[in-house]
Amino acid sequence: PTFVPGLVIDVSQTVQAPAEKFIA
C-alpha cells in the first residue's frame, strides 16, 4: 500500500520446504 503519492512497490517472498514422504 502506498503512502507516498506515485510510489509503486512490489514485494515477493519465496519459501522452500522439504516434501514429506512416508517411508515404511
PDB file of all heavy atoms in Angstrom:
ATOM      1  N   PRO A   1       0.849  -1.196   0.000  1.00  0.00           N
ATOM      2  CA  PRO A   1       0.000   0.000   0.000  1.00  0.00           C
ATOM      3  C   PRO A   1       0.888   1.252   0.000  1.00  0.00           C
ATOM      4  O   PRO A   1       1.899   1.301   0.684  1.00  0.00           O
ATOM      5  CB  PRO A   1      -0.775  -0.089   1.320  1.00  0.00           C
ATOM      6  CG  PRO A   1      -0.574  -1.458   1.824  1.00  0.00           C
ATOM      7  CD  PRO A   1       0.641  -2.019   1.175  1.00  0.00           C
ATOM      8  N   THR A   2       0.525   2.251  -0.792  1.00  0.00           N
ATOM      9  CA  THR A   2       1.376   3.427  -0.910  1.00  0.00           C
ATOM     10  C   THR A   2       0.876   4.564  -0.036  1.00  0.00           C
ATOM     11  O   THR A   2      -0.311   4.839   0.037  1.00  0.00           O
ATOM     12  CB  THR A   2       1.437   3.916  -2.368  1.00  0.00           C
ATOM     13  OG1 THR A   2       0.126   4.205  -2.819  1.00  0.00           O
ATOM     14  CG2 THR A   2       2.077   2.886  -3.253  1.00  0.00           C
ATOM     15  N   PHE A   3       1.807   5.187   0.625  1.00  0.00           N
ATOM     16  CA  PHE A   3       1.541   6.380   1.424  1.00  0.00           C
ATOM     17  C   PHE A   3       2.139   7.600   0.744  1.00  0.00           C
ATOM     18  O   PHE A   3       1.637   8.694   0.869  1.00  0.00           O
ATOM     19  CB  PHE A   3       2.123   6.197   2.827  1.00  0.00           C
ATOM     20  CG  PHE A   3       1.685   7.246   3.797  1.00  0.00           C
ATOM     21  CD1 PHE A   3       0.405   7.244   4.301  1.00  0.00           C
ATOM     22  CD2 PHE A   3       2.549   8.238   4.182  1.00  0.00           C
ATOM     23  CE1 PHE A   3      -0.006   8.225   5.180  1.00  0.00           C
ATOM     24  CE2 PHE A   3       2.151   9.215   5.061  1.00  0.00           C
ATOM     25  CZ  PHE A   3       0.868   9.210   5.570  1.00  0.00           C
ATOM     26  N   VAL A   4       3.233   7.380   0.011  1.00  0.00           N
ATOM     27  CA  VAL A   4       3.873   8.438  -0.761  1.00  0.00           C
ATOM     28  C   VAL A   4       3.244   8.421  -2.149  1.00  0.00           C
ATOM     29  O   VAL A   4       3.286   7.395  -2.831  1.00  0.00           O
ATOM     30  CB  VAL A   4       5.396   8.224  -0.849  1.00  0.00           C
ATOM     31  CG1 VAL A   4       6.049   9.274  -1.716  1.00  0.00           C
ATOM     32  CG2 VAL A   4       6.010   8.190   0.536  1.00  0.00           C
ATOM     33  N   PRO A   5       2.647   9.511  -2.603  1.00  0.00           N
ATOM     34  CA  PRO A   5       1.977   9.515  -3.906  1.00  0.00           C
ATOM     35  C   PRO A   5       2.942   9.191  -5.045  1.00  0.00           C
ATOM     36  O   PRO A   5       4.060   9.686  -5.104  1.00  0.00           O
ATOM     37  CB  PRO A   5       1.463  10.952  -4.033  1.00  0.00           C
ATOM     38  CG  PRO A   5       1.435  11.490  -2.652  1.00  0.00           C
ATOM     39  CD  PRO A   5       2.513  10.783  -1.905  1.00  0.00           C
ATOM     40  N   GLY A   6       2.484   8.334  -5.955  1.00  0.00           N
ATOM     41  CA  GLY A   6       3.265   7.985  -7.134  1.00  0.00           C
ATOM     42  C   GLY A   6       4.284   6.886  -6.932  1.00  0.00           C
ATOM     43  O   GLY A   6       4.944   6.475  -7.877  1.00  0.00           O
ATOM     44  N   LEU A   7       4.420   6.373  -5.742  1.00  0.00           N
ATOM     45  CA  LEU A   7       5.407   5.332  -5.455  1.00  0.00           C
ATOM     46  C   LEU A   7       4.736   3.964  -5.538  1.00  0.00           C
ATOM     47  O   LEU A   7       3.739   3.718  -4.855  1.00  0.00           O
ATOM     48  CB  LEU A   7       6.004   5.548  -4.067  1.00  0.00           C
ATOM     49  CG  LEU A   7       7.163   4.650  -3.658  1.00  0.00           C
ATOM     50  CD1 LEU A   7       8.360   4.902  -4.566  1.00  0.00           C
ATOM     51  CD2 LEU A   7       7.539   4.906  -2.223  1.00  0.00           C
ATOM     52  N   VAL A   8       5.255   3.088  -6.384  1.00  0.00           N
ATOM     53  CA  VAL A   8       4.714   1.740  -6.540  1.00  0.00           C
ATOM     54  C   VAL A   8       5.800   0.750  -6.152  1.00  0.00           C
ATOM     55  O   VAL A   8       6.888   0.755  -6.724  1.00  0.00           O
ATOM     56  CB  VAL A   8       4.256   1.488  -7.994  1.00  0.00           C
ATOM     57  CG1 VAL A   8       3.764   0.070  -8.158  1.00  0.00           C
ATOM     58  CG2 VAL A   8       3.185   2.485  -8.396  1.00  0.00           C
ATOM     59  N   ILE A   9       5.498  -0.096  -5.160  1.00  0.00           N
ATOM     60  CA  ILE A   9       6.468  -1.082  -4.684  1.00  0.00           C
ATOM     61  C   ILE A   9       5.807  -2.459  -4.708  1.00  0.00           C
ATOM     62  O   ILE A   9       4.732  -2.636  -4.153  1.00  0.00           O
ATOM     63  CB  ILE A   9       6.942  -0.761  -3.255  1.00  0.00           C
ATOM     64  CG1 ILE A   9       7.549   0.633  -3.184  1.00  0.00           C
ATOM     65  CG2 ILE A   9       7.948  -1.797  -2.780  1.00  0.00           C
ATOM     66  CD1 ILE A   9       7.871   1.087  -1.785  1.00  0.00           C
ATOM     67  N   ASP A  10       6.475  -3.405  -5.338  1.00  0.00           N
ATOM     68  CA  ASP A  10       6.028  -4.798  -5.348  1.00  0.00           C
ATOM     69  C   ASP A  10       6.950  -5.612  -4.451  1.00  0.00           C
ATOM     70  O   ASP A  10       8.154  -5.353  -4.390  1.00  0.00           O
ATOM     71  CB  ASP A  10       6.047  -5.376  -6.762  1.00  0.00           C
ATOM     72  CG  ASP A  10       5.014  -4.728  -7.664  1.00  0.00           C
ATOM     73  OD1 ASP A  10       3.927  -4.383  -7.166  1.00  0.00           O
ATOM     74  OD2 ASP A  10       5.293  -4.564  -8.863  1.00  0.00           O
ATOM     75  N   VAL A  11       6.366  -6.594  -3.762  1.00  0.00           N
ATOM     76  CA  VAL A  11       7.164  -7.486  -2.928  1.00  0.00           C
ATOM     77  C   VAL A  11       6.957  -8.921  -3.393  1.00  0.00           C
ATOM     78  O   VAL A  11       5.918  -9.267  -3.949  1.00  0.00           O
ATOM     79  CB  VAL A  11       6.806  -7.355  -1.431  1.00  0.00           C
ATOM     80  CG1 VAL A  11       7.207  -6.016  -0.890  1.00  0.00           C
ATOM     81  CG2 VAL A  11       5.355  -7.620  -1.183  1.00  0.00           C
ATOM     82  N   SER A  12       7.952  -9.734  -3.156  1.00  0.00           N
ATOM     83  CA  SER A  12       7.901 -11.148  -3.500  1.00  0.00           C
ATOM     84  C   SER A  12       8.706 -11.922  -2.465  1.00  0.00           C
ATOM     85  O   SER A  12       9.850 -11.551  -2.175  1.00  0.00           O
ATOM     86  CB  SER A  12       8.476 -11.369  -4.894  1.00  0.00           C
ATOM     87  OG  SER A  12       8.482 -12.744  -5.204  1.00  0.00           O
ATOM     88  N   GLN A  13       8.105 -12.961  -1.919  1.00  0.00           N
ATOM     89  CA  GLN A  13       8.793 -13.802  -0.936  1.00  0.00           C
ATOM     90  C   GLN A  13       8.644 -15.259  -1.360  1.00  0.00           C
ATOM     91  O   GLN A  13       7.565 -15.690  -1.791  1.00  0.00           O
ATOM     92  CB  GLN A  13       8.207 -13.609   0.459  1.00  0.00           C
ATOM     93  CG  GLN A  13       8.514 -12.259   1.060  1.00  0.00           C
ATOM     94  CD  GLN A  13       9.981 -12.107   1.404  1.00  0.00           C
ATOM     95  OE1 GLN A  13      10.653 -13.060   1.769  1.00  0.00           O
ATOM     96  NE2 GLN A  13      10.479 -10.896   1.271  1.00  0.00           N
ATOM     97  N   THR A  14       9.715 -16.012  -1.213  1.00  0.00           N
ATOM     98  CA  THR A  14       9.732 -17.421  -1.601  1.00  0.00           C
ATOM     99  C   THR A  14      10.138 -18.259  -0.404  1.00  0.00           C
ATOM    100  O   THR A  14      11.051 -17.900   0.337  1.00  0.00           O
ATOM    101  CB  THR A  14      10.729 -17.644  -2.750  1.00  0.00           C
ATOM    102  OG1 THR A  14      10.340 -16.815  -3.848  1.00  0.00           O
ATOM    103  CG2 THR A  14      10.750 -19.086  -3.189  1.00  0.00           C
ATOM    104  N   VAL A  15       9.437 -19.379  -0.239  1.00  0.00           N
ATOM    105  CA  VAL A  15       9.750 -20.329   0.838  1.00  0.00           C
ATOM    106  C   VAL A  15       9.959 -21.693   0.206  1.00  0.00           C
ATOM    107  O   VAL A  15       9.169 -22.133  -0.630  1.00  0.00           O
ATOM    108  CB  VAL A  15       8.609 -20.384   1.881  1.00  0.00           C
ATOM    109  CG1 VAL A  15       8.834 -21.512   2.858  1.00  0.00           C
ATOM    110  CG2 VAL A  15       8.494 -19.063   2.608  1.00  0.00           C
ATOM    111  N   GLN A  16      11.035 -22.355   0.600  1.00  0.00           N
ATOM    112  CA  GLN A  16      11.285 -23.735   0.179  1.00  0.00           C
ATOM    113  C   GLN A  16      11.198 -24.625   1.408  1.00  0.00           C
ATOM    114  O   GLN A  16      11.709 -24.276   2.473  1.00  0.00           O
ATOM    115  CB  GLN A  16      12.666 -23.886  -0.440  1.00  0.00           C
ATOM    116  CG  GLN A  16      12.772 -23.282  -1.810  1.00  0.00           C
ATOM    117  CD  GLN A  16      14.126 -23.561  -2.432  1.00  0.00           C
ATOM    118  OE1 GLN A  16      15.066 -23.968  -1.750  1.00  0.00           O
ATOM    119  NE2 GLN A  16      14.217 -23.356  -3.725  1.00  0.00           N
ATOM    120  N   ALA A  17      10.562 -25.767   1.234  1.00  0.00           N
ATOM    121  CA  ALA A  17      10.425 -26.721   2.329  1.00  0.00           C
ATOM    122  C   ALA A  17      10.522 -28.124   1.752  1.00  0.00           C
ATOM    123  O   ALA A  17      10.118 -28.364   0.618  1.00  0.00           O
ATOM    124  CB  ALA A  17       9.090 -26.524   3.043  1.00  0.00           C
ATOM    125  N   PRO A  18      11.044 -29.051   2.535  1.00  0.00           N
ATOM    126  CA  PRO A  18      11.100 -30.435   2.042  1.00  0.00           C
ATOM    127  C   PRO A  18       9.706 -31.041   1.994  1.00  0.00           C
ATOM    128  O   PRO A  18       8.875 -30.806   2.868  1.00  0.00           O
ATOM    129  CB  PRO A  18      11.987 -31.153   3.055  1.00  0.00           C
ATOM    130  CG  PRO A  18      11.914 -30.330   4.282  1.00  0.00           C
ATOM    131  CD  PRO A  18      11.660 -28.915   3.844  1.00  0.00           C
ATOM    132  N   ALA A  19       9.457 -31.812   0.959  1.00  0.00           N
ATOM    133  CA  ALA A  19       8.182 -32.515   0.838  1.00  0.00           C
ATOM    134  C   ALA A  19       8.193 -33.707   1.774  1.00  0.00           C
ATOM    135  O   ALA A  19       9.190 -34.450   1.852  1.00  0.00           O
ATOM    136  CB  ALA A  19       7.947 -32.967  -0.590  1.00  0.00           C
ATOM    137  N   GLU A  20       7.133 -33.875   2.523  1.00  0.00           N
ATOM    138  CA  GLU A  20       7.057 -35.011   3.438  1.00  0.00           C
ATOM    139  C   GLU A  20       6.705 -36.262   2.657  1.00  0.00           C
ATOM    140  O   GLU A  20       5.828 -36.248   1.794  1.00  0.00           O
ATOM    141  CB  GLU A  20       6.005 -34.745   4.529  1.00  0.00           C
ATOM    142  CG  GLU A  20       6.401 -33.604   5.443  1.00  0.00           C
ATOM    143  CD  GLU A  20       5.369 -33.352   6.515  1.00  0.00           C
ATOM    144  OE1 GLU A  20       4.366 -34.093   6.590  1.00  0.00           O
ATOM    145  OE2 GLU A  20       5.559 -32.400   7.276  1.00  0.00           O
ATOM    146  N   LYS A  21       7.401 -37.327   2.958  1.00  0.00           N
ATOM    147  CA  LYS A  21       7.178 -38.583   2.254  1.00  0.00           C
ATOM    148  C   LYS A  21       7.244 -39.698   3.277  1.00  0.00           C
ATOM    149  O   LYS A  21       8.176 -39.774   4.084  1.00  0.00           O
ATOM    150  CB  LYS A  21       8.259 -38.779   1.201  1.00  0.00           C
ATOM    151  CG  LYS A  21       8.061 -39.994   0.344  1.00  0.00           C
ATOM    152  CD  LYS A  21       9.262 -40.191  -0.551  1.00  0.00           C
ATOM    153  CE  LYS A  21       8.907 -39.798  -1.957  1.00  0.00           C
ATOM    154  NZ  LYS A  21       9.993 -40.106  -2.893  1.00  0.00           N
ATOM    155  N   PHE A  22       6.215 -40.541   3.289  1.00  0.00           N
ATOM    156  CA  PHE A  22       6.189 -41.652   4.227  1.00  0.00           C
ATOM    157  C   PHE A  22       7.011 -42.804   3.635  1.00  0.00           C
ATOM    158  O   PHE A  22       6.798 -43.249   2.517  1.00  0.00           O
ATOM    159  CB  PHE A  22       4.748 -42.124   4.475  1.00  0.00           C
ATOM    160  CG  PHE A  22       4.675 -43.295   5.386  1.00  0.00           C
ATOM    161  CD1 PHE A  22       4.932 -43.142   6.730  1.00  0.00           C
ATOM    162  CD2 PHE A  22       4.388 -44.558   4.884  1.00  0.00           C
ATOM    163  CE1 PHE A  22       4.868 -44.238   7.573  1.00  0.00           C
ATOM    164  CE2 PHE A  22       4.330 -45.644   5.732  1.00  0.00           C
ATOM    165  CZ  PHE A  22       4.579 -45.492   7.072  1.00  0.00           C
ATOM    166  N   ILE A  23       7.957 -43.264   4.443  1.00  0.00           N
ATOM    167  CA  ILE A  23       8.783 -44.411   4.047  1.00  0.00           C
ATOM    168  C   ILE A  23       8.596 -45.482   5.115  1.00  0.00           C
ATOM    169  O   ILE A  23       8.826 -45.227   6.315  1.00  0.00           O
ATOM    170  CB  ILE A  23      10.272 -44.033   3.937  1.00  0.00           C
ATOM    171  CG1 ILE A  23      10.416 -42.958   2.856  1.00  0.00           C
ATOM    172  CG2 ILE A  23      11.120 -45.240   3.624  1.00  0.00           C
ATOM    173  CD1 ILE A  23      11.827 -42.413   2.742  1.00  0.00           C
ATOM    174  N   ALA A  24       8.169 -46.665   4.699  1.00  0.00           N
ATOM    175  CA  ALA A  24       7.935 -47.769   5.648  1.00  0.00           C
ATOM    176  C   ALA A  24       9.269 -48.236   6.216  1.00  0.00           C
ATOM    177  O   ALA A  24      10.261 -48.362   5.506  1.00  0.00           O
ATOM    178  CB  ALA A  24       7.222 -48.923   4.975  1.00  0.00           C
TER     179      ALA A  24
END
